[in-house]
Amino acid sequence: MNLKNRPIRTCIACRVKSEQNTMLRLQCNDKILLPFSGKGRSFYLCKECCEDIKKSVKSLYRQCKNKADYEQQLKEMVEIWKTK
């Protein structure tokens, strides 16, 4: 696949555009943070924002439209993503 055809996505925390396969794709479902299941709306976080949890949690409040406790959930998702 050449450079023109690679999917580019935007990080919700820092608004950096990057290739889709280098970002973490998540979704919110009933105040629970989940990896994208293939159905519904999703969003992306870049590697740098996955390291800065506080900045990312603030963006998650805005994206998920509630103030649930996403800090621990995000830490777990990032650890799973790093092991893959």
PDB file of N, CA and C in Angstrom:
ATOM      1  N   MET A   1       0.849  -1.172   0.000  1.00  0.00           N
ATOM      2  CA  MET A   1       0.000   0.000   0.000  1.00  0.00           C
ATOM      3  C   MET A   1       0.897   1.238   0.000  1.00  0.00           C
ATOM      4  N   ASN A   2       0.672   2.140  -0.915  1.00  0.00           N
ATOM      5  CA  ASN A   2       1.529   3.320  -0.966  1.00  0.00           C
ATOM      6  C   ASN A   2       1.091   4.369   0.052  1.00  0.00           C
ATOM      7  N   LEU A   3       1.868   5.437   0.159  1.00  0.00           N
ATOM      8  CA  LEU A   3       1.618   6.450   1.188  1.00  0.00           C
ATOM      9  C   LEU A   3       0.269   7.137   1.048  1.00  0.00           C
ATOM     10  N   LYS A   4      -0.215   7.305  -0.161  1.00  0.00           N
ATOM     11  CA  LYS A   4      -1.488   8.006  -0.361  1.00  0.00           C
ATOM     12  C   LYS A   4      -2.678   7.232   0.193  1.00  0.00           C
ATOM     13  N   ASN A   5      -2.605   5.914   0.143  1.00  0.00           N
ATOM     14  CA  ASN A   5      -3.762   5.090   0.500  1.00  0.00           C
ATOM     15  C   ASN A   5      -3.797   4.643   1.952  1.00  0.00           C
ATOM     16  N   ARG A   6      -2.834   5.038   2.751  1.00  0.00           N
ATOM     17  CA  ARG A   6      -2.830   4.621   4.158  1.00  0.00           C
ATOM     18  C   ARG A   6      -3.843   5.455   4.940  1.00  0.00           C
ATOM     19  N   PRO A   7      -4.678   4.793   5.758  1.00  0.00           N
ATOM     20  CA  PRO A   7      -5.669   5.535   6.538  1.00  0.00           C
ATOM     21  C   PRO A   7      -5.011   6.411   7.607  1.00  0.00           C
ATOM     22  N   ILE A   8      -5.401   7.669   7.644  1.00  0.00           N
ATOM     23  CA  ILE A   8      -4.893   8.631   8.618  1.00  0.00           C
ATOM     24  C   ILE A   8      -6.014   8.940   9.601  1.00  0.00           C
ATOM     25  N   ARG A   9      -5.701   8.890  10.902  1.00  0.00           N
ATOM     26  CA  ARG A   9      -6.680   9.173  11.951  1.00  0.00           C
ATOM     27  C   ARG A   9      -6.147  10.256  12.869  1.00  0.00           C
ATOM     28  N   THR A  10      -7.044  10.859  13.668  1.00  0.00           N
ATOM     29  CA  THR A  10      -6.686  11.954  14.563  1.00  0.00           C
ATOM     30  C   THR A  10      -6.852  11.529  16.013  1.00  0.00           C
ATOM     31  N   CYS A  11      -5.858  11.819  16.820  1.00  0.00           N
ATOM     32  CA  CYS A  11      -5.897  11.552  18.256  1.00  0.00           C
ATOM     33  C   CYS A  11      -6.882  12.524  18.914  1.00  0.00           C
ATOM     34  N   ILE A  12      -7.734  12.039  19.819  1.00  0.00           N
ATOM     35  CA  ILE A  12      -8.718  12.922  20.454  1.00  0.00           C
ATOM     36  C   ILE A  12      -8.092  13.836  21.493  1.00  0.00           C
ATOM     37  N   ALA A  13      -6.920  13.489  22.005  1.00  0.00           N
ATOM     38  CA  ALA A  13      -6.308  14.289  23.065  1.00  0.00           C
ATOM     39  C   ALA A  13      -5.440  15.417  22.508  1.00  0.00           C
ATOM     40  N   CYS A  14      -4.568  15.115  21.553  1.00  0.00           N
ATOM     41  CA  CYS A  14      -3.623  16.130  21.077  1.00  0.00           C
ATOM     42  C   CYS A  14      -3.889  16.567  19.642  1.00  0.00           C
ATOM     43  N   ARG A  15      -4.824  15.926  18.966  1.00  0.00           N
ATOM     44  CA  ARG A  15      -5.203  16.252  17.593  1.00  0.00           C
ATOM     45  C   ARG A  15      -4.095  16.011  16.574  1.00  0.00           C
ATOM     46  N   VAL A  16      -3.145  15.168  16.888  1.00  0.00           N
ATOM     47  CA  VAL A  16      -2.085  14.804  15.949  1.00  0.00           C
ATOM     48  C   VAL A  16      -2.647  13.771  14.982  1.00  0.00           C
ATOM     49  N   LYS A  17      -2.342  13.933  13.713  1.00  0.00           N
ATOM     50  CA  LYS A  17      -2.773  12.969  12.709  1.00  0.00           C
ATOM     51  C   LYS A  17      -1.671  11.946  12.505  1.00  0.00           C
ATOM     52  N   SER A  18      -2.058  10.676  12.447  1.00  0.00           N
ATOM     53  CA  SER A  18      -1.094   9.597  12.313  1.00  0.00           C
ATOM     54  C   SER A  18      -1.758   8.433  11.602  1.00  0.00           C
ATOM     55  N   GLU A  19      -0.958   7.440  11.224  1.00  0.00           N
ATOM     56  CA  GLU A  19      -1.507   6.259  10.578  1.00  0.00           C
ATOM     57  C   GLU A  19      -2.365   5.468  11.566  1.00  0.00           C
ATOM     58  N   GLN A  20      -3.385   4.852  11.043  1.00  0.00           N
ATOM     59  CA  GLN A  20      -4.354   4.140  11.863  1.00  0.00           C
ATOM     60  C   GLN A  20      -3.715   3.004  12.655  1.00  0.00           C
ATOM     61  N   ASN A  21      -2.777   2.284  12.067  1.00  0.00           N
ATOM     62  CA  ASN A  21      -2.204   1.120  12.743  1.00  0.00           C
ATOM     63  C   ASN A  21      -1.222   1.478  13.857  1.00  0.00           C
ATOM     64  N   THR A  22      -0.894   2.760  14.036  1.00  0.00           N
ATOM     65  CA  THR A  22       0.013   3.174  15.106  1.00  0.00           C
ATOM     66  C   THR A  22      -0.731   3.745  16.310  1.00  0.00           C
ATOM     67  N   MET A  23      -2.058   3.737  16.264  1.00  0.00           N
ATOM     68  CA  MET A  23      -2.859   4.351  17.323  1.00  0.00           C
ATOM     69  C   MET A  23      -3.740   3.317  18.012  1.00  0.00           C
ATOM     70  N   LEU A  24      -4.129   3.635  19.240  1.00  0.00           N
ATOM     71  CA  LEU A  24      -5.015   2.782  20.038  1.00  0.00           C
ATOM     72  C   LEU A  24      -6.458   3.176  19.747  1.00  0.00           C
ATOM     73  N   ARG A  25      -7.281   2.215  19.336  1.00  0.00           N
ATOM     74  CA  ARG A  25      -8.685   2.477  18.996  1.00  0.00           C
ATOM     75  C   ARG A  25      -9.582   1.958  20.121  1.00  0.00           C
ATOM     76  N   LEU A  26     -10.397   2.847  20.672  1.00  0.00           N
ATOM     77  CA  LEU A  26     -11.268   2.518  21.802  1.00  0.00           C
ATOM     78  C   LEU A  26     -12.694   2.982  21.535  1.00  0.00           C
ATOM     79  N   GLN A  27     -13.602   2.568  22.410  1.00  0.00           N
ATOM     80  CA  GLN A  27     -14.975   3.069  22.392  1.00  0.00           C
ATOM     81  C   GLN A  27     -15.529   3.086  23.807  1.00  0.00           C
ATOM     82  N   CYS A  28     -16.510   3.944  24.052  1.00  0.00           N
ATOM     83  CA  CYS A  28     -17.192   4.021  25.351  1.00  0.00           C
ATOM     84  C   CYS A  28     -18.542   3.334  25.225  1.00  0.00           C
ATOM     85  N   ASN A  29     -18.880   2.540  26.225  1.00  0.00           N
ATOM     86  CA  ASN A  29     -20.170   1.879  26.238  1.00  0.00           C
ATOM     87  C   ASN A  29     -20.673   1.830  27.677  1.00  0.00           C
ATOM     88  N   ASP A  30     -21.676   2.621  28.001  1.00  0.00           N
ATOM     89  CA  ASP A  30     -22.255   2.677  29.349  1.00  0.00           C
ATOM     90  C   ASP A  30     -21.200   2.941  30.420  1.00  0.00           C
ATOM     91  N   LYS A  31     -20.407   3.991  30.238  1.00  0.00           N
ATOM     92  CA  LYS A  31     -19.366   4.436  31.169  1.00  0.00           C
ATOM     93  C   LYS A  31     -18.227   3.430  31.336  1.00  0.00           C
ATOM     94  N   ILE A  32     -18.078   2.536  30.367  1.00  0.00           N
ATOM     95  CA  ILE A  32     -17.001   1.558  30.385  1.00  0.00           C
ATOM     96  C   ILE A  32     -16.163   1.748  29.131  1.00  0.00           C
ATOM     97  N   LEU A  33     -14.865   1.801  29.301  1.00  0.00           N
ATOM     98  CA  LEU A  33     -13.926   1.956  28.201  1.00  0.00           C
ATOM     99  C   LEU A  33     -13.563   0.580  27.669  1.00  0.00           C
ATOM    100  N   LEU A  34     -13.765   0.372  26.364  1.00  0.00           N
ATOM    101  CA  LEU A  34     -13.543  -0.935  25.749  1.00  0.00           C
ATOM    102  C   LEU A  34     -12.713  -0.797  24.485  1.00  0.00           C
ATOM    103  N   PRO A  35     -12.010  -1.869  24.087  1.00  0.00           N
ATOM    104  CA  PRO A  35     -11.406  -1.844  22.747  1.00  0.00           C
ATOM    105  C   PRO A  35     -12.532  -1.856  21.716  1.00  0.00           C
ATOM    106  N   PHE A  36     -12.284  -1.317  20.555  1.00  0.00           N
ATOM    107  CA  PHE A  36     -13.331  -1.222  19.540  1.00  0.00           C
ATOM    108  C   PHE A  36     -13.822  -2.602  19.150  1.00  0.00           C
ATOM    109  N   SER A  37     -15.151  -2.786  19.155  1.00  0.00           N
ATOM    110  CA  SER A  37     -15.751  -4.097  18.893  1.00  0.00           C
ATOM    111  C   SER A  37     -16.213  -4.259  17.456  1.00  0.00           C
ATOM    112  N   GLY A  38     -16.161  -3.211  16.668  1.00  0.00           N
ATOM    113  CA  GLY A  38     -16.610  -3.307  15.282  1.00  0.00           C
ATOM    114  C   GLY A  38     -17.965  -2.670  15.063  1.00  0.00           C
ATOM    115  N   LYS A  39     -18.661  -2.334  16.132  1.00  0.00           N
ATOM    116  CA  LYS A  39     -19.973  -1.697  16.028  1.00  0.00           C
ATOM    117  C   LYS A  39     -19.973  -0.423  16.849  1.00  0.00           C
ATOM    118  N   GLY A  40     -20.598   0.611  16.339  1.00  0.00           N
ATOM    119  CA  GLY A  40     -20.722   1.857  17.083  1.00  0.00           C
ATOM    120  C   GLY A  40     -19.605   2.838  16.782  1.00  0.00           C
ATOM    121  N   ARG A  41     -19.551   3.909  17.575  1.00  0.00           N
ATOM    122  CA  ARG A  41     -18.574   4.974  17.387  1.00  0.00           C
ATOM    123  C   ARG A  41     -17.285   4.636  18.125  1.00  0.00           C
ATOM    124  N   SER A  42     -16.182   5.060  17.558  1.00  0.00           N
ATOM    125  CA  SER A  42     -14.898   4.821  18.198  1.00  0.00           C
ATOM    126  C   SER A  42     -14.040   6.071  18.114  1.00  0.00           C
ATOM    127  N   PHE A  43     -12.881   6.035  18.771  1.00  0.00           N
ATOM    128  CA  PHE A  43     -11.938   7.149  18.754  1.00  0.00           C
ATOM    129  C   PHE A  43     -10.536   6.590  18.932  1.00  0.00           C
ATOM    130  N   TYR A  44      -9.546   7.424  18.659  1.00  0.00           N
ATOM    131  CA  TYR A  44      -8.151   7.000  18.666  1.00  0.00           C
ATOM    132  C   TYR A  44      -7.328   7.815  19.655  1.00  0.00           C
ATOM    133  N   LEU A  45      -6.311   7.171  20.230  1.00  0.00           N
ATOM    134  CA  LEU A  45      -5.302   7.830  21.060  1.00  0.00           C
ATOM    135  C   LEU A  45      -3.929   7.468  20.510  1.00  0.00           C
ATOM    136  N   CYS A  46      -3.054   8.466  20.386  1.00  0.00           N
ATOM    137  CA  CYS A  46      -1.695   8.210  19.900  1.00  0.00           C
ATOM    138  C   CYS A  46      -0.837   7.654  21.041  1.00  0.00           C
ATOM    139  N   LYS A  47       0.365   7.200  20.705  1.00  0.00           N
ATOM    140  CA  LYS A  47       1.264   6.602  21.699  1.00  0.00           C
ATOM    141  C   LYS A  47       1.645   7.596  22.792  1.00  0.00           C
ATOM    142  N   GLU A  48       1.907   8.840  22.403  1.00  0.00           N
ATOM    143  CA  GLU A  48       2.316   9.858  23.384  1.00  0.00           C
ATOM    144  C   GLU A  48       1.200  10.140  24.384  1.00  0.00           C
ATOM    145  N   CYS A  49      -0.020  10.205  23.903  1.00  0.00           N
ATOM    146  CA  CYS A  49      -1.155  10.484  24.800  1.00  0.00           C
ATOM    147  C   CYS A  49      -1.490   9.277  25.671  1.00  0.00           C
ATOM    148  N   CYS A  50      -1.166   8.084  25.217  1.00  0.00           N
ATOM    149  CA  CYS A  50      -1.353   6.897  26.059  1.00  0.00           C
ATOM    150  C   CYS A  50      -0.387   6.920  27.234  1.00  0.00           C
ATOM    151  N   GLU A  51       0.759   7.570  27.073  1.00  0.00           N
ATOM    152  CA  GLU A  51       1.719   7.705  28.162  1.00  0.00           C
ATOM    153  C   GLU A  51       1.277   8.771  29.168  1.00  0.00           C
ATOM    154  N   ASP A  52       0.611   9.823  28.695  1.00  0.00           N
ATOM    155  CA  ASP A  52       0.148  10.919  29.550  1.00  0.00           C
ATOM    156  C   ASP A  52      -1.328  10.681  29.890  1.00  0.00           C
ATOM    157  N   ILE A  53      -1.566   9.888  30.916  1.00  0.00           N
ATOM    158  CA  ILE A  53      -2.914   9.439  31.266  1.00  0.00           C
ATOM    159  C   ILE A  53      -3.832  10.602  31.641  1.00  0.00           C
ATOM    160  N   LYS A  54      -3.331  11.581  32.408  1.00  0.00           N
ATOM    161  CA  LYS A  54      -4.183  12.694  32.847  1.00  0.00           C
ATOM    162  C   LYS A  54      -4.733  13.480  31.668  1.00  0.00           C
ATOM    163  N   LYS A  55      -3.899  13.760  30.692  1.00  0.00           N
ATOM    164  CA  LYS A  55      -4.332  14.486  29.500  1.00  0.00           C
ATOM    165  C   LYS A  55      -5.377  13.677  28.734  1.00  0.00           C
ATOM    166  N   SER A  56      -5.167  12.390  28.627  1.00  0.00           N
ATOM    167  CA  SER A  56      -6.080  11.526  27.893  1.00  0.00           C
ATOM    168  C   SER A  56      -7.415  11.380  28.606  1.00  0.00           C
ATOM    169  N   VAL A  57      -7.398  11.296  29.924  1.00  0.00           N
ATOM    170  CA  VAL A  57      -8.645  11.153  30.682  1.00  0.00           C
ATOM    171  C   VAL A  57      -9.522  12.377  30.493  1.00  0.00           C
ATOM    172  N   LYS A  58      -8.920  13.537  30.471  1.00  0.00           N
ATOM    173  CA  LYS A  58      -9.670  14.771  30.243  1.00  0.00           C
ATOM    174  C   LYS A  58     -10.370  14.728  28.876  1.00  0.00           C
ATOM    175  N   SER A  59      -9.694  14.216  27.878  1.00  0.00           N
ATOM    176  CA  SER A  59     -10.281  14.084  26.551  1.00  0.00           C
ATOM    177  C   SER A  59     -11.370  13.009  26.525  1.00  0.00           C
ATOM    178  N   LEU A  60     -11.193  11.964  27.322  1.00  0.00           N
ATOM    179  CA  LEU A  60     -12.201  10.908  27.391  1.00  0.00           C
ATOM    180  C   LEU A  60     -13.507  11.421  27.995  1.00  0.00           C
ATOM    181  N   TYR A  61     -13.410  12.323  28.980  1.00  0.00           N
ATOM    182  CA  TYR A  61     -14.619  12.917  29.544  1.00  0.00           C
ATOM    183  C   TYR A  61     -15.422  13.600  28.443  1.00  0.00           C
ATOM    184  N   ARG A  62     -14.724  14.332  27.602  1.00  0.00           N
ATOM    185  CA  ARG A  62     -15.385  15.065  26.524  1.00  0.00           C
ATOM    186  C   ARG A  62     -15.931  14.093  25.476  1.00  0.00           C
ATOM    187  N   GLN A  63     -15.154  13.101  25.107  1.00  0.00           N
ATOM    188  CA  GLN A  63     -15.563  12.162  24.061  1.00  0.00           C
ATOM    189  C   GLN A  63     -16.730  11.283  24.501  1.00  0.00           C
ATOM    190  N   CYS A  64     -16.687  10.793  25.738  1.00  0.00           N
ATOM    191  CA  CYS A  64     -17.707   9.868  26.227  1.00  0.00           C
ATOM    192  C   CYS A  64     -18.900  10.577  26.856  1.00  0.00           C
ATOM    193  N   LYS A  65     -18.803  11.888  27.014  1.00  0.00           N
ATOM    194  CA  LYS A  65     -19.897  12.731  27.521  1.00  0.00           C
ATOM    195  C   LYS A  65     -20.336  12.359  28.934  1.00  0.00           C
ATOM    196  N   ASN A  66     -19.377  11.943  29.774  1.00  0.00           N
ATOM    197  CA  ASN A  66     -19.652  11.714  31.188  1.00  0.00           C
ATOM    198  C   ASN A  66     -18.335  11.761  31.953  1.00  0.00           C
ATOM    199  N   LYS A  67     -18.412  11.766  33.267  1.00  0.00           N
ATOM    200  CA  LYS A  67     -17.222  11.892  34.105  1.00  0.00           C
ATOM    201  C   LYS A  67     -16.977  10.619  34.906  1.00  0.00           C
ATOM    202  N   ALA A  68     -17.074   9.498  34.253  1.00  0.00           N
ATOM    203  CA  ALA A  68     -16.801   8.223  34.928  1.00  0.00           C
ATOM    204  C   ALA A  68     -15.302   8.111  35.228  1.00  0.00           C
ATOM    205  N   ASP A  69     -14.915   7.136  36.012  1.00  0.00           N
ATOM    206  CA  ASP A  69     -13.511   6.945  36.366  1.00  0.00           C
ATOM    207  C   ASP A  69     -12.814   6.177  35.245  1.00  0.00           C
ATOM    208  N   TYR A  70     -12.221   6.910  34.317  1.00  0.00           N
ATOM    209  CA  TYR A  70     -11.572   6.291  33.161  1.00  0.00           C
ATOM    210  C   TYR A  70     -10.077   6.067  33.352  1.00  0.00           C
ATOM    211  N   GLU A  71      -9.488   6.612  34.392  1.00  0.00           N
ATOM    212  CA  GLU A  71      -8.037   6.530  34.555  1.00  0.00           C
ATOM    213  C   GLU A  71      -7.559   5.083  34.658  1.00  0.00           C
ATOM    214  N   GLN A  72      -8.137   4.301  35.530  1.00  0.00           N
ATOM    215  CA  GLN A  72      -7.732   2.907  35.701  1.00  0.00           C
ATOM    216  C   GLN A  72      -8.060   2.080  34.460  1.00  0.00           C
ATOM    217  N   GLN A  73      -9.230   2.343  33.874  1.00  0.00           N
ATOM    218  CA  GLN A  73      -9.622   1.614  32.671  1.00  0.00           C
ATOM    219  C   GLN A  73      -8.647   1.868  31.531  1.00  0.00           C
ATOM    220  N   LEU A  74      -8.218   3.129  31.380  1.00  0.00           N
ATOM    221  CA  LEU A  74      -7.290   3.483  30.316  1.00  0.00           C
ATOM    222  C   LEU A  74      -5.925   2.836  30.544  1.00  0.00           C
ATOM    223  N   LYS A  75      -5.468   2.810  31.786  1.00  0.00           N
ATOM    224  CA  LYS A  75      -4.194   2.162  32.098  1.00  0.00           C
ATOM    225  C   LYS A  75      -4.218   0.692  31.688  1.00  0.00           C
ATOM    226  N   GLU A  76      -5.323   0.004  31.963  1.00  0.00           N
ATOM    227  CA  GLU A  76      -5.453  -1.402  31.597  1.00  0.00           C
ATOM    228  C   GLU A  76      -5.448  -1.580  30.088  1.00  0.00           C
ATOM    229  N   MET A  77      -6.170  -0.711  29.360  1.00  0.00           N
ATOM    230  CA  MET A  77      -6.232  -0.795  27.899  1.00  0.00           C
ATOM    231  C   MET A  77      -4.861  -0.555  27.276  1.00  0.00           C
ATOM    232  N   VAL A  78      -4.115   0.394  27.816  1.00  0.00           N
ATOM    233  CA  VAL A  78      -2.783   0.707  27.285  1.00  0.00           C
ATOM    234  C   VAL A  78      -1.836  -0.463  27.514  1.00  0.00           C
ATOM    235  N   GLU A  79      -1.905  -1.093  28.693  1.00  0.00           N
ATOM    236  CA  GLU A  79      -1.045  -2.249  28.972  1.00  0.00           C
ATOM    237  C   GLU A  79      -1.349  -3.405  28.019  1.00  0.00           C
ATOM    238  N   ILE A  80      -2.618  -3.648  27.765  1.00  0.00           N
ATOM    239  CA  ILE A  80      -3.001  -4.712  26.829  1.00  0.00           C
ATOM    240  C   ILE A  80      -2.500  -4.382  25.428  1.00  0.00           C
ATOM    241  N   TRP A  81      -2.636  -3.122  25.019  1.00  0.00           N
ATOM    242  CA  TRP A  81      -2.221  -2.683  23.690  1.00  0.00           C
ATOM    243  C   TRP A  81      -0.699  -2.804  23.520  1.00  0.00           C
ATOM    244  N   LYS A  82       0.056  -2.484  24.569  1.00  0.00           N
ATOM    245  CA  LYS A  82       1.517  -2.560  24.486  1.00  0.00           C
ATOM    246  C   LYS A  82       2.003  -4.002  24.347  1.00  0.00           C
ATOM    247  N   THR A  83       1.286  -4.952  24.922  1.00  0.00           N
ATOM    248  CA  THR A  83       1.714  -6.349  24.852  1.00  0.00           C
ATOM    249  C   THR A  83       1.441  -6.968  23.490  1.00  0.00           C
ATOM    250  N   LYS A  84       0.567  -6.374  22.703  1.00  0.00           N
ATOM    251  CA  LYS A  84       0.257  -6.930  21.374  1.00  0.00           C
ATOM    252  C   LYS A  84       1.309  -6.609  20.366  1.00  0.00           C
TER     253      LYS A  84
END
